[in-house]
Amino acid sequence: MAQEFSYEIVEEIAVLSENPKGWRKELNLVSWNGRPPKFDLRDWAPEHEKMGKGVTLSNEEFEALRKTIKEM
């Protein structure tokens, strides 16, 4: 049985790509189940009604990733 959850996209930060079916890989700040928002990278359907698997990062994890990418 599928477990219910809720989400709210608090801030849309960037669209990284879009496929021919309209799904977009996005970086957003998302609040999951009413918790404080985290950085979230995943594919979203055109109206954010469906989502693919993704990665959610805390502020500290996002900062570590940002520094790593900047040093590349």
C-alpha atoms as a PDB file:
ATOM      1  CA  MET A   1       0.000   0.000   0.000  1.00  0.00           C
ATOM      2  CA  ALA A   2       1.416   3.374  -1.022  1.00  0.00           C
ATOM      3  CA  GLN A   3       2.199   5.801   1.752  1.00  0.00           C
ATOM      4  CA  GLU A   4       0.735   9.284   1.343  1.00  0.00           C
ATOM      5  CA  PHE A   5       2.929  12.358   1.509  1.00  0.00           C
ATOM      6  CA  SER A   6       2.646  16.048   0.781  1.00  0.00           C
ATOM      7  CA  TYR A   7       4.974  18.522  -0.853  1.00  0.00           C
ATOM      8  CA  GLU A   8       5.092  22.235  -1.531  1.00  0.00           C
ATOM      9  CA  ILE A   9       7.497  23.822  -3.992  1.00  0.00           C
ATOM     10  CA  VAL A  10       8.549  26.870  -1.985  1.00  0.00           C
ATOM     11  CA  GLU A  11      10.887  28.295  -4.633  1.00  0.00           C
ATOM     12  CA  GLU A  12      11.591  27.316  -8.227  1.00  0.00           C
ATOM     13  CA  ILE A  13      15.323  27.924  -8.645  1.00  0.00           C
ATOM     14  CA  ALA A  14      16.286  26.552 -12.082  1.00  0.00           C
ATOM     15  CA  VAL A  15      15.164  24.374 -14.977  1.00  0.00           C
ATOM     16  CA  LEU A  16      18.180  22.370 -16.142  1.00  0.00           C
ATOM     17  CA  SER A  17      16.581  20.551 -19.078  1.00  0.00           C
ATOM     18  CA  GLU A  18      13.272  19.574 -20.666  1.00  0.00           C
ATOM     19  CA  ASN A  19      12.441  16.409 -22.588  1.00  0.00           C
ATOM     20  CA  PRO A  20      10.083  16.146 -25.606  1.00  0.00           C
ATOM     21  CA  LYS A  21       7.184  15.051 -23.351  1.00  0.00           C
ATOM     22  CA  GLY A  22       7.467  18.257 -21.319  1.00  0.00           C
ATOM     23  CA  TRP A  23       9.057  16.772 -18.200  1.00  0.00           C
ATOM     24  CA  ARG A  24      11.719  19.090 -16.778  1.00  0.00           C
ATOM     25  CA  LYS A  25      14.736  18.450 -14.574  1.00  0.00           C
ATOM     26  CA  GLU A  26      14.461  21.178 -11.943  1.00  0.00           C
ATOM     27  CA  LEU A  27      16.312  22.485  -8.917  1.00  0.00           C
ATOM     28  CA  ASN A  28      13.771  23.708  -6.356  1.00  0.00           C
ATOM     29  CA  LEU A  29      13.339  24.345  -2.657  1.00  0.00           C
ATOM     30  CA  VAL A  30      10.704  21.815  -1.564  1.00  0.00           C
ATOM     31  CA  SER A  31       8.961  21.278   1.759  1.00  0.00           C
ATOM     32  CA  TRP A  32       8.151  17.576   2.202  1.00  0.00           C
ATOM     33  CA  ASN A  33       5.366  16.660   4.652  1.00  0.00           C
ATOM     34  CA  GLY A  34       5.354  20.142   6.186  1.00  0.00           C
ATOM     35  CA  ARG A  35       9.039  20.033   7.122  1.00  0.00           C
ATOM     36  CA  PRO A  36      11.500  22.883   6.463  1.00  0.00           C
ATOM     37  CA  PRO A  37      12.333  23.166   2.744  1.00  0.00           C
ATOM     38  CA  LYS A  38      15.393  21.456   1.263  1.00  0.00           C
ATOM     39  CA  PHE A  39      17.130  21.717  -2.079  1.00  0.00           C
ATOM     40  CA  ASP A  40      15.613  19.176  -4.436  1.00  0.00           C
ATOM     41  CA  LEU A  41      16.792  18.003  -7.866  1.00  0.00           C
ATOM     42  CA  ARG A  42      14.406  15.793  -9.880  1.00  0.00           C
ATOM     43  CA  ASP A  43      12.254  15.439 -12.983  1.00  0.00           C
ATOM     44  CA  TRP A  44       8.784  16.990 -12.826  1.00  0.00           C
ATOM     45  CA  ALA A  45       5.747  16.655 -15.073  1.00  0.00           C
ATOM     46  CA  PRO A  46       4.592  19.905 -16.742  1.00  0.00           C
ATOM     47  CA  GLU A  47       2.223  21.034 -13.943  1.00  0.00           C
ATOM     48  CA  HIS A  48       4.221  19.485 -11.063  1.00  0.00           C
ATOM     49  CA  GLU A  49       1.457  16.880 -10.666  1.00  0.00           C
ATOM     50  CA  LYS A  50       3.918  13.974 -11.012  1.00  0.00           C
ATOM     51  CA  MET A  51       7.590  13.571 -10.195  1.00  0.00           C
ATOM     52  CA  GLY A  52      10.467  11.224 -10.850  1.00  0.00           C
ATOM     53  CA  LYS A  53      13.067  10.001  -8.392  1.00  0.00           C
ATOM     54  CA  GLY A  54      15.417  12.684  -7.217  1.00  0.00           C
ATOM     55  CA  VAL A  55      17.939  13.910  -4.693  1.00  0.00           C
ATOM     56  CA  THR A  56      17.139  16.098  -1.703  1.00  0.00           C
ATOM     57  CA  LEU A  57      19.947  18.048  -0.012  1.00  0.00           C
ATOM     58  CA  SER A  58      20.173  19.969   3.257  1.00  0.00           C
ATOM     59  CA  ASN A  59      21.677  23.464   3.192  1.00  0.00           C
ATOM     60  CA  GLU A  60      25.015  22.029   4.340  1.00  0.00           C
ATOM     61  CA  GLU A  61      24.999  19.294   1.678  1.00  0.00           C
ATOM     62  CA  PHE A  62      24.077  21.795  -1.026  1.00  0.00           C
ATOM     63  CA  GLU A  63      26.904  24.117   0.038  1.00  0.00           C
ATOM     64  CA  ALA A  64      29.412  21.226  -0.052  1.00  0.00           C
ATOM     65  CA  LEU A  65      28.204  20.293  -3.556  1.00  0.00           C
ATOM     66  CA  ARG A  66      28.392  23.917  -4.705  1.00  0.00           C
ATOM     67  CA  LYS A  67      31.988  24.226  -3.463  1.00  0.00           C
ATOM     68  CA  THR A  68      32.971  20.942  -5.103  1.00  0.00           C
ATOM     69  CA  ILE A  69      31.530  21.977  -8.471  1.00  0.00           C
ATOM     70  CA  LYS A  70      33.178  25.399  -8.251  1.00  0.00           C
ATOM     71  CA  GLU A  71      36.582  23.732  -7.675  1.00  0.00           C
ATOM     72  CA  MET A  72      36.256  21.451 -10.724  1.00  0.00           C
END
